[in-house]
Amino acid sequence: MADLIHDCTGAILAGGENSRMPLLKSFIEVAGQKIIERNIRITTPLFKERFIVTNQPEYYSSLNIPLLGDVYDVRGPMTGIFTVLLNASNNWVFISACDMPFLNRDLMVYMAMKRAGKDAVVPLLNGNLEPLFAFYSKRLLDRMEKAVLCGRKSLGDFLRNKRVQYITKEEIEKIDSHAASFVNLNSPEDIERYLQQKDIIRFKRKVKGG
């Protein structure tokens, strides 16, 4: 498998409050396909081992991807990342979020090539970290567990003083020209902003129960 990223597990975090979105974000349709299904299709050729991290397994059991529940009852994406690191059979994990509909395969492959000697590979876009489209090493496992148990939720704070390879805006835009990989659909306003008209109409119909 030429596309396979070796020594790495792929995982989709399907948690979060979903408080601003009237539908479950994972199942919003983009170009006629649910986000979670799009992301599975994109990541399947890249990772031999894959997980979905969710505390609502009843929604995801039909997808034929192994499911993981958070190891600790501490809310936040760091708990999900720790859960994947703990369960992965590989030394590295790639993390993405269930509300990111435009994952770029080539950007993942590029970032994977930057892992040597690092604890994490994380995009830095317009001064902001994008920790939910990133690679993490098992070398972080013990320190991340301590952070989770101490209630530290900021991944940016956690990554300080770690060996992180930051991927710059210039690097990103050479591969993903509009940085679409980092679009999150968190609210109905995001649906209007990022999706095509057909998908907007479909979303509104489903919200109304149609």
N, C-alpha and C. Protein backbone atom coordinates (compact mmCIF):
# COMPACT_ATOMS: atom_id res chain seq x y z
N MET A 1 0.85 -1.19 0.00
CA MET A 1 0.00 0.00 0.00
C MET A 1 0.88 1.24 0.00
N ALA A 2 0.99 1.88 -1.18
CA ALA A 2 1.91 3.01 -1.33
C ALA A 2 1.52 4.19 -0.45
N ASP A 3 0.24 4.36 -0.16
CA ASP A 3 -0.22 5.51 0.60
C ASP A 3 -0.07 5.33 2.11
N LEU A 4 0.20 4.11 2.55
CA LEU A 4 0.17 3.81 3.98
C LEU A 4 1.22 4.62 4.74
N ILE A 5 0.78 5.28 5.83
CA ILE A 5 1.69 5.96 6.74
C ILE A 5 2.08 4.95 7.80
N HIS A 6 3.33 4.55 7.80
CA HIS A 6 3.78 3.48 8.67
C HIS A 6 3.93 3.94 10.12
N ASP A 7 3.80 2.96 11.02
CA ASP A 7 3.97 3.17 12.45
C ASP A 7 3.03 4.25 12.97
N CYS A 8 1.81 4.28 12.44
CA CYS A 8 0.87 5.33 12.85
C CYS A 8 -0.56 4.81 12.80
N THR A 9 -1.31 5.15 13.82
CA THR A 9 -2.74 4.85 13.93
C THR A 9 -3.53 6.11 13.65
N GLY A 10 -4.61 5.98 12.90
CA GLY A 10 -5.48 7.13 12.63
C GLY A 10 -6.71 7.10 13.52
N ALA A 11 -7.09 8.26 14.02
CA ALA A 11 -8.25 8.31 14.90
C ALA A 11 -9.07 9.57 14.65
N ILE A 12 -10.38 9.40 14.76
CA ILE A 12 -11.32 10.52 14.65
C ILE A 12 -11.95 10.73 16.01
N LEU A 13 -11.85 11.94 16.53
CA LEU A 13 -12.49 12.28 17.80
C LEU A 13 -13.93 12.70 17.53
N ALA A 14 -14.86 11.95 18.06
CA ALA A 14 -16.29 12.23 17.85
C ALA A 14 -16.93 12.56 19.18
N GLY A 15 -16.35 13.53 19.85
CA GLY A 15 -16.89 13.96 21.14
C GLY A 15 -17.38 15.39 21.03
N GLY A 16 -17.21 16.15 22.10
CA GLY A 16 -17.65 17.54 22.09
C GLY A 16 -19.10 17.67 22.50
N GLU A 17 -19.46 18.92 22.81
CA GLU A 17 -20.79 19.17 23.35
C GLU A 17 -21.87 19.22 22.28
N ASN A 18 -21.51 19.60 21.05
CA ASN A 18 -22.49 19.74 19.97
C ASN A 18 -23.58 20.74 20.33
N SER A 19 -23.26 21.67 21.24
CA SER A 19 -24.29 22.55 21.81
C SER A 19 -24.80 23.59 20.82
N ARG A 20 -23.98 24.01 19.85
CA ARG A 20 -24.39 25.05 18.91
C ARG A 20 -24.98 24.49 17.62
N MET A 21 -24.95 23.18 17.48
CA MET A 21 -25.41 22.56 16.24
C MET A 21 -26.65 21.71 16.52
N PRO A 22 -27.73 21.94 15.78
CA PRO A 22 -28.97 21.19 16.05
C PRO A 22 -28.93 19.74 15.58
N LEU A 23 -27.92 19.36 14.79
CA LEU A 23 -27.74 17.98 14.36
C LEU A 23 -26.39 17.47 14.84
N LEU A 24 -26.25 16.16 14.96
CA LEU A 24 -24.97 15.58 15.33
C LEU A 24 -23.96 15.89 14.22
N LYS A 25 -22.87 16.57 14.59
CA LYS A 25 -21.95 17.10 13.58
C LYS A 25 -21.37 16.02 12.68
N SER A 26 -21.07 14.88 13.23
CA SER A 26 -20.47 13.80 12.44
C SER A 26 -21.30 13.40 11.25
N PHE A 27 -22.63 13.61 11.34
CA PHE A 27 -23.54 13.09 10.33
C PHE A 27 -24.12 14.18 9.44
N ILE A 28 -23.59 15.37 9.52
CA ILE A 28 -23.95 16.41 8.55
C ILE A 28 -23.41 16.00 7.19
N GLU A 29 -24.21 16.17 6.17
CA GLU A 29 -23.81 15.73 4.83
C GLU A 29 -23.11 16.85 4.06
N VAL A 30 -21.99 16.47 3.45
CA VAL A 30 -21.21 17.37 2.61
C VAL A 30 -21.03 16.67 1.26
N ALA A 31 -21.50 17.32 0.21
CA ALA A 31 -21.47 16.71 -1.13
C ALA A 31 -22.14 15.34 -1.12
N GLY A 32 -23.21 15.23 -0.34
CA GLY A 32 -24.00 14.01 -0.33
C GLY A 32 -23.46 12.89 0.54
N GLN A 33 -22.42 13.17 1.32
CA GLN A 33 -21.85 12.12 2.17
C GLN A 33 -21.64 12.66 3.58
N LYS A 34 -21.96 11.86 4.57
CA LYS A 34 -21.78 12.28 5.95
C LYS A 34 -20.31 12.54 6.24
N ILE A 35 -20.04 13.55 7.10
CA ILE A 35 -18.66 13.92 7.39
C ILE A 35 -17.86 12.73 7.90
N ILE A 36 -18.43 11.97 8.81
CA ILE A 36 -17.69 10.84 9.38
C ILE A 36 -17.35 9.82 8.29
N GLU A 37 -18.25 9.62 7.33
CA GLU A 37 -17.99 8.68 6.24
C GLU A 37 -16.93 9.23 5.29
N ARG A 38 -16.95 10.53 5.02
CA ARG A 38 -15.92 11.16 4.20
C ARG A 38 -14.55 10.97 4.84
N ASN A 39 -14.48 11.21 6.14
CA ASN A 39 -13.19 11.12 6.82
C ASN A 39 -12.67 9.69 6.88
N ILE A 40 -13.57 8.75 7.06
CA ILE A 40 -13.16 7.34 7.01
C ILE A 40 -12.61 6.99 5.63
N ARG A 41 -13.30 7.45 4.60
CA ARG A 41 -12.85 7.16 3.22
C ARG A 41 -11.46 7.75 2.96
N ILE A 42 -11.19 8.93 3.45
CA ILE A 42 -9.90 9.58 3.22
C ILE A 42 -8.78 8.91 4.03
N THR A 43 -9.07 8.53 5.25
CA THR A 43 -8.02 8.00 6.13
C THR A 43 -7.78 6.50 5.98
N THR A 44 -8.74 5.77 5.44
CA THR A 44 -8.59 4.32 5.34
C THR A 44 -7.32 3.90 4.59
N PRO A 45 -6.96 4.50 3.44
CA PRO A 45 -5.74 4.06 2.76
C PRO A 45 -4.45 4.46 3.48
N LEU A 46 -4.56 5.36 4.45
CA LEU A 46 -3.36 5.90 5.10
C LEU A 46 -2.96 5.16 6.36
N PHE A 47 -3.93 4.58 7.04
CA PHE A 47 -3.66 4.00 8.35
C PHE A 47 -4.22 2.58 8.44
N LYS A 48 -3.36 1.65 8.74
CA LYS A 48 -3.79 0.25 8.87
C LYS A 48 -4.69 0.06 10.08
N GLU A 49 -4.40 0.80 11.15
CA GLU A 49 -5.21 0.74 12.37
C GLU A 49 -5.94 2.07 12.53
N ARG A 50 -7.25 1.97 12.78
CA ARG A 50 -8.05 3.19 12.91
C ARG A 50 -9.02 3.04 14.08
N PHE A 51 -9.35 4.16 14.70
CA PHE A 51 -10.31 4.20 15.79
C PHE A 51 -11.22 5.41 15.64
N ILE A 52 -12.41 5.29 16.21
CA ILE A 52 -13.25 6.44 16.48
C ILE A 52 -13.38 6.54 17.99
N VAL A 53 -13.11 7.72 18.53
CA VAL A 53 -13.24 7.93 19.97
C VAL A 53 -14.57 8.61 20.24
N THR A 54 -15.44 7.94 20.97
CA THR A 54 -16.77 8.47 21.23
C THR A 54 -17.32 7.90 22.53
N ASN A 55 -18.11 8.71 23.20
CA ASN A 55 -18.86 8.22 24.35
C ASN A 55 -20.33 7.98 23.99
N GLN A 56 -20.60 7.97 22.67
CA GLN A 56 -21.94 7.66 22.17
C GLN A 56 -21.83 6.54 21.12
N PRO A 57 -21.42 5.37 21.53
CA PRO A 57 -21.14 4.29 20.56
C PRO A 57 -22.35 3.89 19.74
N GLU A 58 -23.55 4.13 20.25
CA GLU A 58 -24.75 3.72 19.51
C GLU A 58 -24.86 4.40 18.15
N TYR A 59 -24.24 5.56 17.99
CA TYR A 59 -24.31 6.28 16.72
C TYR A 59 -23.29 5.79 15.70
N TYR A 60 -22.23 5.14 16.17
CA TYR A 60 -21.09 4.85 15.30
C TYR A 60 -20.82 3.35 15.09
N SER A 61 -21.58 2.50 15.74
CA SER A 61 -21.29 1.07 15.70
C SER A 61 -21.46 0.47 14.31
N SER A 62 -22.26 1.10 13.46
CA SER A 62 -22.51 0.55 12.12
C SER A 62 -21.39 0.87 11.13
N LEU A 63 -20.39 1.65 11.54
CA LEU A 63 -19.35 2.10 10.61
C LEU A 63 -18.20 1.10 10.47
N ASN A 64 -18.22 0.04 11.24
CA ASN A 64 -17.20 -1.01 11.16
C ASN A 64 -15.79 -0.50 11.43
N ILE A 65 -15.69 0.47 12.34
CA ILE A 65 -14.41 0.98 12.82
C ILE A 65 -14.38 0.73 14.33
N PRO A 66 -13.28 0.20 14.89
CA PRO A 66 -13.23 0.01 16.34
C PRO A 66 -13.49 1.32 17.09
N LEU A 67 -14.29 1.23 18.14
CA LEU A 67 -14.66 2.40 18.93
C LEU A 67 -13.94 2.38 20.26
N LEU A 68 -13.55 3.56 20.72
CA LEU A 68 -12.92 3.73 22.02
C LEU A 68 -13.71 4.75 22.82
N GLY A 69 -13.97 4.46 24.09
CA GLY A 69 -14.55 5.44 24.99
C GLY A 69 -13.45 6.09 25.80
N ASP A 70 -13.65 7.34 26.20
CA ASP A 70 -12.63 8.05 26.98
C ASP A 70 -12.21 7.24 28.20
N VAL A 71 -10.92 7.14 28.39
CA VAL A 71 -10.38 6.39 29.52
C VAL A 71 -10.73 7.06 30.84
N TYR A 72 -10.70 8.38 30.85
CA TYR A 72 -11.03 9.14 32.06
C TYR A 72 -12.25 10.01 31.79
N ASP A 73 -13.03 10.24 32.83
CA ASP A 73 -14.22 11.06 32.73
C ASP A 73 -13.81 12.53 32.90
N VAL A 74 -13.00 12.99 31.96
CA VAL A 74 -12.54 14.37 31.96
C VAL A 74 -12.80 14.92 30.56
N ARG A 75 -13.63 15.92 30.45
CA ARG A 75 -14.02 16.42 29.15
C ARG A 75 -12.86 17.14 28.47
N GLY A 76 -12.86 17.05 27.14
CA GLY A 76 -11.86 17.77 26.37
C GLY A 76 -11.12 16.86 25.42
N PRO A 77 -10.60 17.43 24.34
CA PRO A 77 -9.93 16.62 23.32
C PRO A 77 -8.66 15.94 23.80
N MET A 78 -7.99 16.50 24.83
CA MET A 78 -6.77 15.86 25.29
C MET A 78 -7.07 14.48 25.86
N THR A 79 -8.21 14.31 26.48
CA THR A 79 -8.60 13.00 26.99
C THR A 79 -8.76 12.01 25.84
N GLY A 80 -9.36 12.47 24.74
CA GLY A 80 -9.52 11.61 23.58
C GLY A 80 -8.19 11.23 22.96
N ILE A 81 -7.29 12.20 22.86
CA ILE A 81 -5.97 11.91 22.29
C ILE A 81 -5.22 10.92 23.18
N PHE A 82 -5.28 11.14 24.48
CA PHE A 82 -4.63 10.21 25.41
C PHE A 82 -5.21 8.80 25.26
N THR A 83 -6.52 8.70 25.10
CA THR A 83 -7.18 7.41 24.94
C THR A 83 -6.65 6.68 23.71
N VAL A 84 -6.45 7.41 22.62
CA VAL A 84 -5.91 6.79 21.41
C VAL A 84 -4.47 6.36 21.62
N LEU A 85 -3.65 7.24 22.20
CA LEU A 85 -2.25 6.89 22.45
C LEU A 85 -2.14 5.63 23.30
N LEU A 86 -3.01 5.52 24.29
CA LEU A 86 -2.98 4.37 25.19
C LEU A 86 -3.34 3.07 24.47
N ASN A 87 -4.25 3.14 23.53
CA ASN A 87 -4.76 1.94 22.87
C ASN A 87 -4.08 1.60 21.55
N ALA A 88 -3.38 2.55 20.97
CA ALA A 88 -2.77 2.32 19.65
C ALA A 88 -1.65 1.30 19.73
N SER A 89 -1.54 0.48 18.71
CA SER A 89 -0.44 -0.49 18.65
C SER A 89 0.80 0.12 17.99
N ASN A 90 0.66 1.32 17.43
CA ASN A 90 1.77 2.01 16.79
C ASN A 90 2.35 3.08 17.72
N ASN A 91 3.54 3.56 17.37
CA ASN A 91 4.20 4.58 18.19
C ASN A 91 3.66 5.98 17.95
N TRP A 92 2.91 6.14 16.85
CA TRP A 92 2.36 7.45 16.52
C TRP A 92 0.85 7.33 16.28
N VAL A 93 0.15 8.46 16.53
CA VAL A 93 -1.26 8.54 16.18
C VAL A 93 -1.50 9.83 15.41
N PHE A 94 -2.41 9.77 14.44
CA PHE A 94 -2.88 10.98 13.77
C PHE A 94 -4.30 11.23 14.24
N ILE A 95 -4.55 12.47 14.68
CA ILE A 95 -5.84 12.84 15.25
C ILE A 95 -6.55 13.81 14.31
N SER A 96 -7.83 13.55 14.07
CA SER A 96 -8.68 14.52 13.39
C SER A 96 -10.01 14.58 14.13
N ALA A 97 -10.79 15.62 13.84
CA ALA A 97 -12.07 15.81 14.53
C ALA A 97 -13.22 15.48 13.60
N CYS A 98 -14.33 15.09 14.18
CA CYS A 98 -15.48 14.60 13.40
C CYS A 98 -16.23 15.72 12.68
N ASP A 99 -15.91 16.98 12.99
CA ASP A 99 -16.61 18.09 12.34
C ASP A 99 -15.74 18.81 11.32
N MET A 100 -14.69 18.12 10.84
CA MET A 100 -13.77 18.68 9.84
C MET A 100 -14.02 17.96 8.51
N PRO A 101 -14.78 18.56 7.59
CA PRO A 101 -15.21 17.82 6.41
C PRO A 101 -14.24 17.82 5.23
N PHE A 102 -13.16 18.58 5.33
CA PHE A 102 -12.30 18.75 4.15
C PHE A 102 -10.86 18.33 4.41
N LEU A 103 -10.67 17.19 5.05
CA LEU A 103 -9.33 16.70 5.34
C LEU A 103 -8.53 16.51 4.05
N ASN A 104 -7.29 16.94 4.07
CA ASN A 104 -6.44 16.83 2.89
C ASN A 104 -5.42 15.71 3.08
N ARG A 105 -5.57 14.67 2.27
CA ARG A 105 -4.71 13.50 2.37
C ARG A 105 -3.24 13.86 2.17
N ASP A 106 -2.95 14.69 1.18
CA ASP A 106 -1.55 15.01 0.87
C ASP A 106 -0.89 15.79 2.01
N LEU A 107 -1.67 16.60 2.71
CA LEU A 107 -1.11 17.32 3.85
C LEU A 107 -0.77 16.36 4.98
N MET A 108 -1.61 15.37 5.20
CA MET A 108 -1.31 14.35 6.21
C MET A 108 0.00 13.63 5.89
N VAL A 109 0.16 13.25 4.62
CA VAL A 109 1.36 12.53 4.21
C VAL A 109 2.60 13.42 4.39
N TYR A 110 2.48 14.69 4.03
CA TYR A 110 3.59 15.63 4.21
C TYR A 110 3.97 15.75 5.68
N MET A 111 2.98 15.93 6.54
CA MET A 111 3.25 16.07 7.97
C MET A 111 3.87 14.81 8.54
N ALA A 112 3.45 13.66 8.06
CA ALA A 112 4.01 12.39 8.55
C ALA A 112 5.51 12.31 8.31
N MET A 113 5.98 12.93 7.27
CA MET A 113 7.40 12.90 6.95
C MET A 113 8.23 13.80 7.87
N LYS A 114 7.56 14.58 8.72
CA LYS A 114 8.24 15.51 9.62
C LYS A 114 8.34 14.98 11.05
N ARG A 115 8.06 13.69 11.26
CA ARG A 115 7.97 13.15 12.62
C ARG A 115 9.31 12.84 13.27
N ALA A 116 10.37 12.65 12.49
CA ALA A 116 11.64 12.15 13.03
C ALA A 116 12.14 13.05 14.17
N GLY A 117 12.41 12.42 15.31
CA GLY A 117 12.98 13.12 16.45
C GLY A 117 12.03 14.04 17.18
N LYS A 118 10.73 13.99 16.86
CA LYS A 118 9.75 14.90 17.46
C LYS A 118 8.76 14.15 18.34
N ASP A 119 8.09 14.91 19.20
CA ASP A 119 7.01 14.36 20.01
C ASP A 119 5.65 14.58 19.36
N ALA A 120 5.57 15.58 18.49
CA ALA A 120 4.31 15.90 17.84
C ALA A 120 4.59 16.71 16.58
N VAL A 121 3.67 16.64 15.64
CA VAL A 121 3.71 17.47 14.43
C VAL A 121 2.37 18.16 14.35
N VAL A 122 2.39 19.50 14.46
CA VAL A 122 1.16 20.27 14.62
C VAL A 122 1.17 21.48 13.69
N PRO A 123 0.12 21.71 12.92
CA PRO A 123 0.05 22.91 12.09
C PRO A 123 -0.08 24.18 12.95
N LEU A 124 0.51 25.24 12.44
CA LEU A 124 0.42 26.56 13.07
C LEU A 124 -0.06 27.52 11.99
N LEU A 125 -1.32 27.91 12.08
CA LEU A 125 -1.97 28.68 11.03
C LEU A 125 -2.40 30.03 11.57
N ASN A 126 -1.84 31.10 11.00
CA ASN A 126 -2.17 32.46 11.45
C ASN A 126 -1.99 32.63 12.95
N GLY A 127 -0.93 32.01 13.47
CA GLY A 127 -0.62 32.13 14.89
C GLY A 127 -1.40 31.20 15.79
N ASN A 128 -2.29 30.40 15.22
CA ASN A 128 -3.11 29.50 16.02
C ASN A 128 -2.73 28.04 15.75
N LEU A 129 -2.58 27.29 16.84
CA LEU A 129 -2.34 25.85 16.70
C LEU A 129 -3.59 25.15 16.18
N GLU A 130 -3.38 24.10 15.41
CA GLU A 130 -4.47 23.24 14.94
C GLU A 130 -4.23 21.83 15.46
N PRO A 131 -4.45 21.62 16.77
CA PRO A 131 -4.07 20.35 17.40
C PRO A 131 -4.98 19.18 17.08
N LEU A 132 -6.09 19.43 16.36
CA LEU A 132 -6.98 18.33 15.99
C LEU A 132 -6.85 17.96 14.52
N PHE A 133 -5.69 18.28 13.95
CA PHE A 133 -5.24 17.75 12.66
C PHE A 133 -3.74 17.60 12.83
N ALA A 134 -3.33 16.60 13.61
CA ALA A 134 -1.95 16.57 14.08
C ALA A 134 -1.51 15.15 14.43
N PHE A 135 -0.20 14.98 14.47
CA PHE A 135 0.42 13.72 14.85
C PHE A 135 0.98 13.83 16.28
N TYR A 136 0.80 12.76 17.06
CA TYR A 136 1.31 12.70 18.43
C TYR A 136 2.03 11.38 18.65
N SER A 137 3.14 11.45 19.38
CA SER A 137 3.95 10.27 19.67
C SER A 137 3.59 9.68 21.03
N LYS A 138 3.78 8.37 21.16
CA LYS A 138 3.55 7.72 22.45
C LYS A 138 4.52 8.21 23.52
N ARG A 139 5.59 8.90 23.11
CA ARG A 139 6.49 9.48 24.11
C ARG A 139 5.77 10.48 25.01
N LEU A 140 4.63 10.98 24.55
CA LEU A 140 3.86 11.96 25.33
C LEU A 140 2.91 11.30 26.32
N LEU A 141 2.80 9.98 26.27
CA LEU A 141 1.72 9.28 26.98
C LEU A 141 1.69 9.62 28.47
N ASP A 142 2.79 9.45 29.18
CA ASP A 142 2.78 9.66 30.63
C ASP A 142 2.51 11.12 30.98
N ARG A 143 3.14 12.02 30.23
CA ARG A 143 2.96 13.44 30.53
C ARG A 143 1.54 13.91 30.21
N MET A 144 0.95 13.33 29.17
CA MET A 144 -0.42 13.69 28.83
C MET A 144 -1.40 13.15 29.86
N GLU A 145 -1.14 11.96 30.36
CA GLU A 145 -2.01 11.42 31.40
C GLU A 145 -2.00 12.32 32.63
N LYS A 146 -0.83 12.77 33.03
CA LYS A 146 -0.73 13.68 34.19
C LYS A 146 -1.51 14.96 33.92
N ALA A 147 -1.40 15.49 32.71
CA ALA A 147 -2.11 16.72 32.37
C ALA A 147 -3.62 16.52 32.44
N VAL A 148 -4.10 15.39 31.90
CA VAL A 148 -5.53 15.10 31.93
C VAL A 148 -6.02 14.99 33.38
N LEU A 149 -5.28 14.27 34.21
CA LEU A 149 -5.70 14.05 35.60
C LEU A 149 -5.61 15.33 36.44
N CYS A 150 -4.78 16.26 35.99
CA CYS A 150 -4.67 17.55 36.69
C CYS A 150 -5.69 18.57 36.17
N GLY A 151 -6.48 18.16 35.20
CA GLY A 151 -7.49 19.06 34.67
C GLY A 151 -6.98 20.08 33.69
N ARG A 152 -5.78 19.87 33.16
CA ARG A 152 -5.24 20.79 32.16
C ARG A 152 -5.82 20.43 30.80
N LYS A 153 -6.56 21.35 30.22
CA LYS A 153 -7.28 21.04 28.98
C LYS A 153 -6.66 21.68 27.74
N SER A 154 -5.79 22.65 27.91
CA SER A 154 -5.23 23.35 26.76
C SER A 154 -4.11 22.55 26.12
N LEU A 155 -4.33 22.12 24.89
CA LEU A 155 -3.28 21.39 24.17
C LEU A 155 -2.11 22.32 23.84
N GLY A 156 -2.40 23.59 23.61
CA GLY A 156 -1.32 24.54 23.35
C GLY A 156 -0.38 24.65 24.52
N ASP A 157 -0.94 24.77 25.73
CA ASP A 157 -0.11 24.82 26.93
C ASP A 157 0.66 23.52 27.11
N PHE A 158 -0.02 22.40 26.88
CA PHE A 158 0.63 21.12 27.06
C PHE A 158 1.83 20.95 26.15
N LEU A 159 1.71 21.42 24.91
CA LEU A 159 2.77 21.21 23.92
C LEU A 159 3.98 22.12 24.14
N ARG A 160 3.84 23.11 24.98
CA ARG A 160 5.01 23.95 25.27
C ARG A 160 6.11 23.11 25.90
N ASN A 161 7.32 23.37 25.50
CA ASN A 161 8.51 22.66 26.01
C ASN A 161 8.57 21.20 25.56
N LYS A 162 7.71 20.82 24.62
CA LYS A 162 7.81 19.49 24.01
C LYS A 162 8.52 19.65 22.67
N ARG A 163 8.97 18.54 22.12
CA ARG A 163 9.65 18.58 20.83
C ARG A 163 8.58 18.54 19.73
N VAL A 164 8.15 19.71 19.33
CA VAL A 164 7.05 19.83 18.37
C VAL A 164 7.59 20.37 17.05
N GLN A 165 7.23 19.71 15.96
CA GLN A 165 7.49 20.24 14.63
C GLN A 165 6.25 21.00 14.19
N TYR A 166 6.36 22.31 14.13
CA TYR A 166 5.23 23.13 13.70
C TYR A 166 5.23 23.25 12.18
N ILE A 167 4.07 23.06 11.59
CA ILE A 167 3.91 23.18 10.15
C ILE A 167 3.37 24.58 9.86
N THR A 168 4.11 25.35 9.09
CA THR A 168 3.78 26.75 8.89
C THR A 168 2.65 26.96 7.88
N LYS A 169 2.10 28.15 7.90
CA LYS A 169 1.07 28.52 6.94
C LYS A 169 1.57 28.37 5.51
N GLU A 170 2.83 28.76 5.28
CA GLU A 170 3.40 28.67 3.94
C GLU A 170 3.48 27.21 3.48
N GLU A 171 3.88 26.32 4.37
CA GLU A 171 3.93 24.89 4.04
C GLU A 171 2.53 24.36 3.75
N ILE A 172 1.57 24.75 4.60
CA ILE A 172 0.20 24.28 4.44
C ILE A 172 -0.36 24.69 3.09
N GLU A 173 -0.17 25.97 2.75
CA GLU A 173 -0.83 26.51 1.55
C GLU A 173 -0.22 25.99 0.26
N LYS A 174 0.99 25.44 0.32
CA LYS A 174 1.55 24.80 -0.86
C LYS A 174 0.81 23.52 -1.21
N ILE A 175 0.18 22.93 -0.21
CA ILE A 175 -0.52 21.65 -0.40
C ILE A 175 -2.03 21.83 -0.35
N ASP A 176 -2.49 22.58 0.62
CA ASP A 176 -3.92 22.81 0.86
C ASP A 176 -4.13 24.32 0.74
N SER A 177 -4.32 24.78 -0.47
CA SER A 177 -4.19 26.22 -0.76
C SER A 177 -5.12 27.11 0.05
N HIS A 178 -6.29 26.62 0.39
CA HIS A 178 -7.23 27.42 1.18
C HIS A 178 -7.30 26.98 2.64
N ALA A 179 -6.35 26.11 3.03
CA ALA A 179 -6.33 25.59 4.41
C ALA A 179 -7.69 25.01 4.80
N ALA A 180 -8.33 24.35 3.85
CA ALA A 180 -9.67 23.80 4.10
C ALA A 180 -9.66 22.67 5.12
N SER A 181 -8.50 22.03 5.30
CA SER A 181 -8.41 20.93 6.27
C SER A 181 -8.83 21.36 7.67
N PHE A 182 -8.72 22.66 7.95
CA PHE A 182 -8.93 23.13 9.32
C PHE A 182 -10.30 23.77 9.53
N VAL A 183 -11.17 23.64 8.54
CA VAL A 183 -12.54 24.12 8.69
C VAL A 183 -13.28 23.21 9.66
N ASN A 184 -13.94 23.82 10.63
CA ASN A 184 -14.80 23.09 11.57
C ASN A 184 -16.24 23.56 11.39
N LEU A 185 -17.16 22.63 11.38
CA LEU A 185 -18.58 22.97 11.33
C LEU A 185 -19.14 22.90 12.74
N ASN A 186 -19.10 24.03 13.42
CA ASN A 186 -19.52 24.06 14.82
C ASN A 186 -20.91 24.65 15.02
N SER A 187 -21.42 25.35 14.00
CA SER A 187 -22.68 26.05 14.17
C SER A 187 -23.39 26.16 12.82
N PRO A 188 -24.69 26.49 12.83
CA PRO A 188 -25.39 26.70 11.56
C PRO A 188 -24.75 27.79 10.71
N GLU A 189 -24.13 28.78 11.35
CA GLU A 189 -23.45 29.83 10.60
C GLU A 189 -22.28 29.25 9.80
N ASP A 190 -21.62 28.27 10.35
CA ASP A 190 -20.53 27.61 9.62
C ASP A 190 -21.06 26.84 8.41
N ILE A 191 -22.24 26.27 8.55
CA ILE A 191 -22.87 25.58 7.41
C ILE A 191 -23.07 26.56 6.27
N GLU A 192 -23.58 27.73 6.58
CA GLU A 192 -23.82 28.76 5.57
C GLU A 192 -22.51 29.25 4.96
N ARG A 193 -21.48 29.31 5.77
CA ARG A 193 -20.21 29.90 5.34
C ARG A 193 -19.42 28.95 4.43
N TYR A 194 -19.44 27.66 4.75
CA TYR A 194 -18.49 26.75 4.11
C TYR A 194 -19.10 25.75 3.12
N LEU A 195 -20.39 25.50 3.20
CA LEU A 195 -20.95 24.44 2.38
C LEU A 195 -21.64 24.98 1.13
N GLN A 196 -21.81 24.10 0.16
CA GLN A 196 -22.49 24.44 -1.07
C GLN A 196 -24.00 24.52 -0.83
N GLN A 197 -24.68 25.18 -1.75
CA GLN A 197 -26.10 25.45 -1.55
C GLN A 197 -26.92 24.18 -1.37
N LYS A 198 -26.61 23.14 -2.14
CA LYS A 198 -27.35 21.88 -1.99
C LYS A 198 -27.23 21.33 -0.58
N ASP A 199 -26.05 21.41 -0.01
CA ASP A 199 -25.84 20.89 1.34
C ASP A 199 -26.51 21.77 2.39
N ILE A 200 -26.53 23.08 2.16
CA ILE A 200 -27.22 23.99 3.07
C ILE A 200 -28.71 23.68 3.09
N ILE A 201 -29.29 23.49 1.92
CA ILE A 201 -30.72 23.16 1.84
C ILE A 201 -31.00 21.83 2.52
N ARG A 202 -30.15 20.83 2.29
CA ARG A 202 -30.32 19.52 2.92
C ARG A 202 -30.24 19.64 4.45
N PHE A 203 -29.28 20.43 4.94
CA PHE A 203 -29.12 20.64 6.38
C PHE A 203 -30.38 21.25 6.98
N LYS A 204 -30.88 22.31 6.35
CA LYS A 204 -32.06 23.00 6.89
C LYS A 204 -33.28 22.08 6.88
N ARG A 205 -33.38 21.26 5.86
CA ARG A 205 -34.50 20.32 5.78
C ARG A 205 -34.45 19.32 6.93
N LYS A 206 -33.23 18.83 7.23
CA LYS A 206 -33.10 17.85 8.32
C LYS A 206 -33.37 18.48 9.67
N VAL A 207 -32.96 19.73 9.83
CA VAL A 207 -33.23 20.43 11.10
C VAL A 207 -34.72 20.54 11.33
N LYS A 208 -35.47 20.76 10.23
CA LYS A 208 -36.92 20.87 10.33
C LYS A 208 -37.60 19.51 10.42
N GLY A 209 -36.80 18.44 10.32
CA GLY A 209 -37.36 17.11 10.42
C GLY A 209 -37.79 16.51 9.11
N GLY A 210 -37.29 17.11 8.02
CA GLY A 210 -37.67 16.62 6.70
C GLY A 210 -36.74 15.57 6.17
